[in-house]
């Protein structure tokens, strides 16, 4: 079933934005964990990927270094440019059900874009 809506806890959204501010002026990258049921994705935590690489125009990590875990929902990363739309490279390397992009200055969820694995924008909400 396609992703129809994404729900973040307030703590997760704060973590995404805080991590992005700490990584600036480089991109930051995080893994998102939670559950997905009937088109609704519930993001309940974030994980810093092992051996992540952070640079001004990209961030990456090796998926093969992760333990097998079905709770990984996708990747969140920041764009220091402020643009929170997925780039061509983002779409080519998308993994999981969702991709989240935080745009500079990372001050609120209004600078966050959520996309399915095909790059289509998905509505989201922040609870708590």
N, C-alpha and C. Protein backbone atom coordinates (compact mmCIF):
# COMPACT_ATOMS: atom_id res chain seq x y z
N UNK A 1 0.84 -1.18 0.00
CA UNK A 1 0.00 0.00 0.00
C UNK A 1 0.89 1.25 0.00
N UNK A 2 0.57 2.22 -0.86
CA UNK A 2 1.39 3.44 -0.90
C UNK A 2 1.27 4.26 0.40
N UNK A 3 2.31 5.02 0.69
CA UNK A 3 2.31 5.87 1.87
C UNK A 3 1.33 7.01 1.65
N UNK A 4 0.38 7.17 2.58
CA UNK A 4 -0.63 8.22 2.47
C UNK A 4 -0.42 9.35 3.47
N UNK A 5 0.25 9.01 4.60
CA UNK A 5 0.43 10.01 5.65
C UNK A 5 1.56 9.55 6.56
N UNK A 6 2.31 10.53 7.08
CA UNK A 6 3.41 10.23 8.00
C UNK A 6 3.18 11.00 9.29
N UNK A 7 3.38 10.31 10.41
CA UNK A 7 3.22 10.93 11.73
C UNK A 7 4.57 10.88 12.44
N UNK A 8 5.00 12.03 12.94
CA UNK A 8 6.22 12.14 13.74
C UNK A 8 5.85 12.50 15.16
N UNK A 9 6.58 11.98 16.13
CA UNK A 9 6.44 12.50 17.49
C UNK A 9 7.16 13.85 17.50
N UNK A 10 6.79 14.71 18.43
CA UNK A 10 7.47 15.99 18.57
C UNK A 10 8.95 15.80 18.86
N UNK A 11 9.28 14.79 19.65
CA UNK A 11 10.67 14.52 19.99
C UNK A 11 11.48 14.13 18.75
N UNK A 12 10.89 13.33 17.88
CA UNK A 12 11.59 12.94 16.65
C UNK A 12 11.81 14.15 15.76
N UNK A 13 10.79 14.99 15.60
CA UNK A 13 10.95 16.18 14.75
C UNK A 13 12.02 17.10 15.34
N UNK A 14 12.02 17.28 16.66
CA UNK A 14 13.06 18.09 17.30
C UNK A 14 14.44 17.49 17.04
N UNK A 15 14.55 16.17 17.10
CA UNK A 15 15.83 15.50 16.86
C UNK A 15 16.30 15.72 15.42
N UNK A 16 15.40 15.62 14.46
CA UNK A 16 15.75 15.83 13.05
C UNK A 16 16.29 17.25 12.83
N UNK A 17 15.60 18.23 13.38
CA UNK A 17 16.01 19.63 13.19
C UNK A 17 17.28 19.95 13.97
N UNK A 18 17.41 19.45 15.19
CA UNK A 18 18.61 19.69 16.00
C UNK A 18 19.84 19.07 15.36
N UNK A 19 19.71 17.84 14.89
CA UNK A 19 20.84 17.17 14.25
C UNK A 19 21.27 17.94 12.99
N UNK A 20 20.31 18.44 12.25
CA UNK A 20 20.62 19.21 11.04
C UNK A 20 21.39 20.48 11.40
N UNK A 21 20.96 21.17 12.47
CA UNK A 21 21.67 22.39 12.90
C UNK A 21 23.10 22.05 13.33
N UNK A 22 23.28 20.93 14.03
CA UNK A 22 24.62 20.54 14.49
C UNK A 22 25.53 20.19 13.31
N UNK A 23 25.00 19.60 12.27
CA UNK A 23 25.80 19.19 11.12
C UNK A 23 26.15 20.37 10.21
N UNK A 24 25.36 21.44 10.25
CA UNK A 24 25.56 22.59 9.37
C UNK A 24 26.97 23.14 9.54
N UNK A 25 27.70 23.47 8.48
CA UNK A 25 27.26 23.70 7.10
C UNK A 25 27.26 22.44 6.23
N UNK A 26 27.51 21.28 6.83
CA UNK A 26 27.44 20.03 6.07
C UNK A 26 26.04 19.44 6.15
N UNK A 27 25.79 18.48 5.29
CA UNK A 27 24.55 17.72 5.39
C UNK A 27 24.65 16.76 6.57
N UNK A 28 23.52 16.53 7.21
CA UNK A 28 23.43 15.50 8.24
C UNK A 28 22.56 14.37 7.71
N UNK A 29 22.73 13.18 8.26
CA UNK A 29 21.93 12.05 7.80
C UNK A 29 21.55 11.18 9.00
N UNK A 30 20.31 10.76 9.03
CA UNK A 30 19.76 9.92 10.11
C UNK A 30 18.87 8.84 9.51
N UNK A 31 18.75 7.75 10.23
CA UNK A 31 17.79 6.70 9.88
C UNK A 31 16.55 6.89 10.74
N UNK A 32 15.40 6.60 10.17
CA UNK A 32 14.15 6.70 10.92
C UNK A 32 13.60 5.31 11.20
N UNK A 33 13.07 5.15 12.40
CA UNK A 33 12.50 3.86 12.79
C UNK A 33 11.06 4.08 13.24
N UNK A 34 10.27 3.02 13.12
CA UNK A 34 8.88 3.08 13.54
C UNK A 34 8.09 1.95 12.90
N UNK A 35 6.82 2.25 12.62
CA UNK A 35 5.93 1.24 12.05
C UNK A 35 5.14 1.84 10.91
N UNK A 36 4.69 0.95 10.03
CA UNK A 36 3.86 1.34 8.91
C UNK A 36 2.67 0.38 8.83
N UNK A 37 1.47 0.96 8.74
CA UNK A 37 0.28 0.13 8.65
C UNK A 37 -0.80 0.85 7.85
N UNK A 38 -1.30 0.18 6.84
CA UNK A 38 -2.39 0.69 6.01
C UNK A 38 -2.12 2.10 5.47
N UNK A 39 -0.90 2.32 4.98
CA UNK A 39 -0.56 3.59 4.37
C UNK A 39 -0.16 4.69 5.33
N UNK A 40 -0.20 4.42 6.63
CA UNK A 40 0.19 5.42 7.63
C UNK A 40 1.54 5.00 8.22
N UNK A 41 2.51 5.88 8.11
CA UNK A 41 3.85 5.63 8.64
C UNK A 41 4.00 6.42 9.93
N UNK A 42 4.36 5.73 11.00
CA UNK A 42 4.52 6.34 12.33
C UNK A 42 6.00 6.29 12.70
N UNK A 43 6.66 7.45 12.66
CA UNK A 43 8.09 7.54 12.95
C UNK A 43 8.26 7.80 14.45
N UNK A 44 8.90 6.86 15.14
CA UNK A 44 9.00 6.96 16.60
C UNK A 44 10.42 7.20 17.11
N UNK A 45 11.44 7.02 16.26
CA UNK A 45 12.81 7.28 16.71
C UNK A 45 13.73 7.48 15.52
N UNK A 46 14.91 8.04 15.81
CA UNK A 46 15.94 8.21 14.79
C UNK A 46 17.23 7.58 15.29
N UNK A 47 18.07 7.17 14.35
CA UNK A 47 19.34 6.52 14.65
C UNK A 47 20.41 7.15 13.79
N UNK A 48 21.57 7.44 14.38
CA UNK A 48 22.71 7.91 13.60
C UNK A 48 23.34 6.68 12.95
N UNK A 49 23.44 6.66 11.62
CA UNK A 49 24.00 5.47 10.96
C UNK A 49 25.49 5.34 11.25
N UNK A 50 25.98 4.11 11.34
CA UNK A 50 27.41 3.90 11.59
C UNK A 50 28.25 4.37 10.41
N UNK A 51 29.39 4.97 10.73
CA UNK A 51 30.36 5.42 9.73
C UNK A 51 29.75 6.35 8.68
N UNK A 52 28.83 7.22 9.13
CA UNK A 52 28.22 8.17 8.20
C UNK A 52 29.25 9.19 7.73
N UNK A 53 29.11 9.62 6.48
CA UNK A 53 29.98 10.63 5.88
C UNK A 53 29.15 11.90 5.70
N UNK A 54 29.68 13.03 6.15
CA UNK A 54 28.99 14.31 6.05
C UNK A 54 29.86 15.29 5.28
N UNK A 55 29.31 15.89 4.24
CA UNK A 55 30.01 16.91 3.47
C UNK A 55 29.01 18.01 3.12
N UNK A 56 29.50 19.08 2.49
CA UNK A 56 28.62 20.21 2.19
C UNK A 56 27.51 19.84 1.20
N UNK A 57 27.80 19.02 0.22
CA UNK A 57 26.83 18.73 -0.83
C UNK A 57 26.28 17.31 -0.78
N UNK A 58 26.69 16.51 0.20
CA UNK A 58 26.14 15.16 0.28
C UNK A 58 26.39 14.57 1.66
N UNK A 59 25.67 13.52 1.95
CA UNK A 59 25.90 12.69 3.14
C UNK A 59 25.57 11.26 2.74
N UNK A 60 26.24 10.31 3.37
CA UNK A 60 25.99 8.92 3.01
C UNK A 60 26.43 7.99 4.13
N UNK A 61 26.08 6.73 3.97
CA UNK A 61 26.52 5.66 4.86
C UNK A 61 26.34 4.36 4.12
N UNK A 62 26.90 3.31 4.67
CA UNK A 62 26.84 1.99 4.03
C UNK A 62 25.72 1.17 4.67
N UNK A 63 24.66 0.89 3.89
CA UNK A 63 23.52 0.12 4.39
C UNK A 63 23.94 -1.26 4.89
N UNK A 64 25.01 -1.80 4.32
CA UNK A 64 25.45 -3.14 4.69
C UNK A 64 26.04 -3.20 6.10
N UNK A 65 26.31 -2.05 6.70
CA UNK A 65 26.83 -2.02 8.06
C UNK A 65 25.71 -2.07 9.11
N UNK A 66 24.47 -2.01 8.65
CA UNK A 66 23.33 -2.02 9.58
C UNK A 66 22.89 -3.45 9.88
N UNK A 67 22.45 -3.69 11.10
CA UNK A 67 21.86 -5.00 11.39
C UNK A 67 20.51 -5.11 10.67
N UNK A 68 20.08 -6.31 10.40
CA UNK A 68 18.77 -6.51 9.78
C UNK A 68 17.72 -6.10 10.80
N UNK A 69 16.87 -5.16 10.40
CA UNK A 69 15.87 -4.60 11.31
C UNK A 69 14.71 -4.07 10.47
N UNK A 70 13.58 -4.68 10.58
CA UNK A 70 12.42 -4.27 9.77
C UNK A 70 11.78 -2.97 10.24
N UNK A 71 12.27 -2.38 11.33
CA UNK A 71 11.68 -1.13 11.81
C UNK A 71 12.28 0.10 11.12
N UNK A 72 13.33 -0.07 10.29
CA UNK A 72 13.86 1.07 9.55
C UNK A 72 12.86 1.48 8.47
N UNK A 73 12.47 2.75 8.49
CA UNK A 73 11.47 3.25 7.56
C UNK A 73 12.08 4.01 6.38
N UNK A 74 13.26 4.56 6.58
CA UNK A 74 13.89 5.35 5.53
C UNK A 74 14.96 6.25 6.11
N UNK A 75 15.37 7.22 5.29
CA UNK A 75 16.48 8.11 5.64
C UNK A 75 15.99 9.54 5.69
N UNK A 76 16.52 10.27 6.67
CA UNK A 76 16.30 11.72 6.76
C UNK A 76 17.66 12.38 6.59
N UNK A 77 17.70 13.43 5.78
CA UNK A 77 18.96 14.17 5.65
C UNK A 77 18.66 15.65 5.46
N UNK A 78 19.68 16.46 5.72
CA UNK A 78 19.50 17.91 5.63
C UNK A 78 20.10 18.45 4.35
N UNK A 79 19.55 19.60 3.92
CA UNK A 79 20.05 20.33 2.77
C UNK A 79 20.48 21.72 3.25
N UNK A 80 21.78 21.97 3.37
CA UNK A 80 22.26 23.28 3.82
C UNK A 80 21.83 24.43 2.90
N UNK A 81 21.45 24.13 1.67
CA UNK A 81 21.01 25.16 0.73
C UNK A 81 19.67 25.76 1.12
N UNK A 82 18.91 25.07 1.96
CA UNK A 82 17.57 25.54 2.33
C UNK A 82 16.48 24.89 1.51
N UNK A 83 16.81 24.31 0.38
CA UNK A 83 15.84 23.64 -0.47
C UNK A 83 15.53 22.27 0.13
N UNK A 84 14.27 22.02 0.44
CA UNK A 84 13.95 20.70 1.01
C UNK A 84 13.18 19.82 0.04
N UNK A 85 13.43 20.02 -1.25
CA UNK A 85 12.93 19.12 -2.28
C UNK A 85 14.01 18.10 -2.60
N UNK A 86 13.62 16.87 -2.98
CA UNK A 86 14.65 15.87 -3.30
C UNK A 86 15.38 16.18 -4.60
N UNK A 87 16.70 16.01 -4.57
CA UNK A 87 17.50 16.16 -5.78
C UNK A 87 17.43 14.87 -6.59
N UNK A 88 17.98 14.92 -7.78
CA UNK A 88 18.05 13.73 -8.62
C UNK A 88 18.83 12.64 -7.90
N UNK A 89 19.94 13.01 -7.27
CA UNK A 89 20.76 12.05 -6.51
C UNK A 89 19.98 11.46 -5.34
N UNK A 90 19.19 12.29 -4.66
CA UNK A 90 18.37 11.80 -3.55
C UNK A 90 17.43 10.70 -4.03
N UNK A 91 16.80 10.94 -5.17
CA UNK A 91 15.84 9.96 -5.70
C UNK A 91 16.53 8.68 -6.15
N UNK A 92 17.74 8.80 -6.69
CA UNK A 92 18.47 7.62 -7.12
C UNK A 92 18.90 6.74 -5.95
N UNK A 93 19.12 7.35 -4.79
CA UNK A 93 19.63 6.61 -3.63
C UNK A 93 18.59 6.47 -2.52
N UNK A 94 17.34 6.68 -2.83
CA UNK A 94 16.29 6.56 -1.83
C UNK A 94 16.16 5.11 -1.35
N UNK A 95 16.07 4.93 -0.05
CA UNK A 95 15.92 3.59 0.54
C UNK A 95 14.78 3.63 1.54
N UNK A 96 13.97 2.60 1.57
CA UNK A 96 12.89 2.53 2.53
C UNK A 96 11.60 3.13 2.00
N UNK A 97 10.63 3.25 2.88
CA UNK A 97 9.31 3.75 2.50
C UNK A 97 9.28 5.26 2.31
N UNK A 98 10.05 5.98 3.15
CA UNK A 98 9.99 7.44 3.09
C UNK A 98 11.38 8.06 3.11
N UNK A 99 11.42 9.30 2.61
CA UNK A 99 12.62 10.13 2.65
C UNK A 99 12.19 11.47 3.24
N UNK A 100 12.96 11.95 4.21
CA UNK A 100 12.67 13.23 4.84
C UNK A 100 13.85 14.15 4.59
N UNK A 101 13.56 15.39 4.17
CA UNK A 101 14.62 16.37 3.92
C UNK A 101 14.32 17.61 4.74
N UNK A 102 15.33 18.01 5.53
CA UNK A 102 15.22 19.21 6.34
C UNK A 102 16.01 20.32 5.65
N UNK A 103 15.40 21.49 5.47
CA UNK A 103 16.06 22.61 4.81
C UNK A 103 16.52 23.66 5.80
N UNK A 104 17.70 24.23 5.54
CA UNK A 104 18.24 25.31 6.36
C UNK A 104 17.22 26.43 6.44
N UNK A 105 16.99 27.08 7.56
CA UNK A 105 17.77 27.12 8.80
C UNK A 105 17.33 26.11 9.86
N UNK A 106 16.53 25.16 9.51
CA UNK A 106 16.16 24.06 10.41
C UNK A 106 15.49 24.55 11.69
N UNK A 107 14.64 25.56 11.57
CA UNK A 107 14.03 26.15 12.77
C UNK A 107 12.64 25.63 13.06
N UNK A 108 11.98 25.02 12.08
CA UNK A 108 10.64 24.48 12.33
C UNK A 108 10.31 23.40 11.31
N UNK A 109 9.23 22.68 11.59
CA UNK A 109 8.81 21.63 10.67
C UNK A 109 8.30 22.21 9.35
N UNK A 110 8.15 23.52 9.25
CA UNK A 110 7.74 24.14 7.98
C UNK A 110 8.87 24.07 6.95
N UNK A 111 10.10 23.75 7.40
CA UNK A 111 11.24 23.60 6.50
C UNK A 111 11.59 22.13 6.32
N UNK A 112 10.57 21.27 6.38
CA UNK A 112 10.76 19.83 6.25
C UNK A 112 9.87 19.31 5.14
N UNK A 113 10.43 18.48 4.28
CA UNK A 113 9.66 17.81 3.24
C UNK A 113 9.69 16.31 3.45
N UNK A 114 8.55 15.68 3.23
CA UNK A 114 8.45 14.23 3.38
C UNK A 114 8.00 13.66 2.04
N UNK A 115 8.69 12.60 1.59
CA UNK A 115 8.46 12.05 0.26
C UNK A 115 8.41 10.52 0.33
N UNK A 116 7.67 9.92 -0.59
CA UNK A 116 7.69 8.47 -0.68
C UNK A 116 8.92 8.06 -1.49
N UNK A 117 9.11 6.76 -1.69
CA UNK A 117 10.32 6.29 -2.37
C UNK A 117 10.40 6.71 -3.83
N UNK A 118 9.30 7.21 -4.39
CA UNK A 118 9.29 7.71 -5.76
C UNK A 118 9.47 9.22 -5.84
N UNK A 119 9.61 9.87 -4.69
CA UNK A 119 9.79 11.32 -4.67
C UNK A 119 8.52 12.13 -4.63
N UNK A 120 7.38 11.47 -4.44
CA UNK A 120 6.11 12.20 -4.33
C UNK A 120 5.96 12.73 -2.91
N UNK A 121 5.54 13.97 -2.81
CA UNK A 121 5.32 14.61 -1.50
C UNK A 121 4.21 13.87 -0.74
N UNK A 122 4.43 13.68 0.56
CA UNK A 122 3.47 12.97 1.41
C UNK A 122 3.10 13.91 2.57
N UNK A 123 1.82 14.06 2.87
CA UNK A 123 1.45 14.90 4.02
C UNK A 123 1.94 14.28 5.32
N UNK A 124 2.30 15.17 6.26
CA UNK A 124 2.77 14.68 7.55
C UNK A 124 2.23 15.56 8.67
N UNK A 125 2.29 15.01 9.88
CA UNK A 125 1.88 15.77 11.06
C UNK A 125 2.84 15.46 12.19
N UNK A 126 2.90 16.39 13.13
CA UNK A 126 3.76 16.24 14.30
C UNK A 126 2.84 16.18 15.51
N UNK A 127 2.96 15.11 16.28
CA UNK A 127 2.12 14.94 17.47
C UNK A 127 2.97 14.97 18.74
N UNK A 128 2.48 15.73 19.70
CA UNK A 128 3.12 15.76 21.01
C UNK A 128 4.28 16.63 21.14
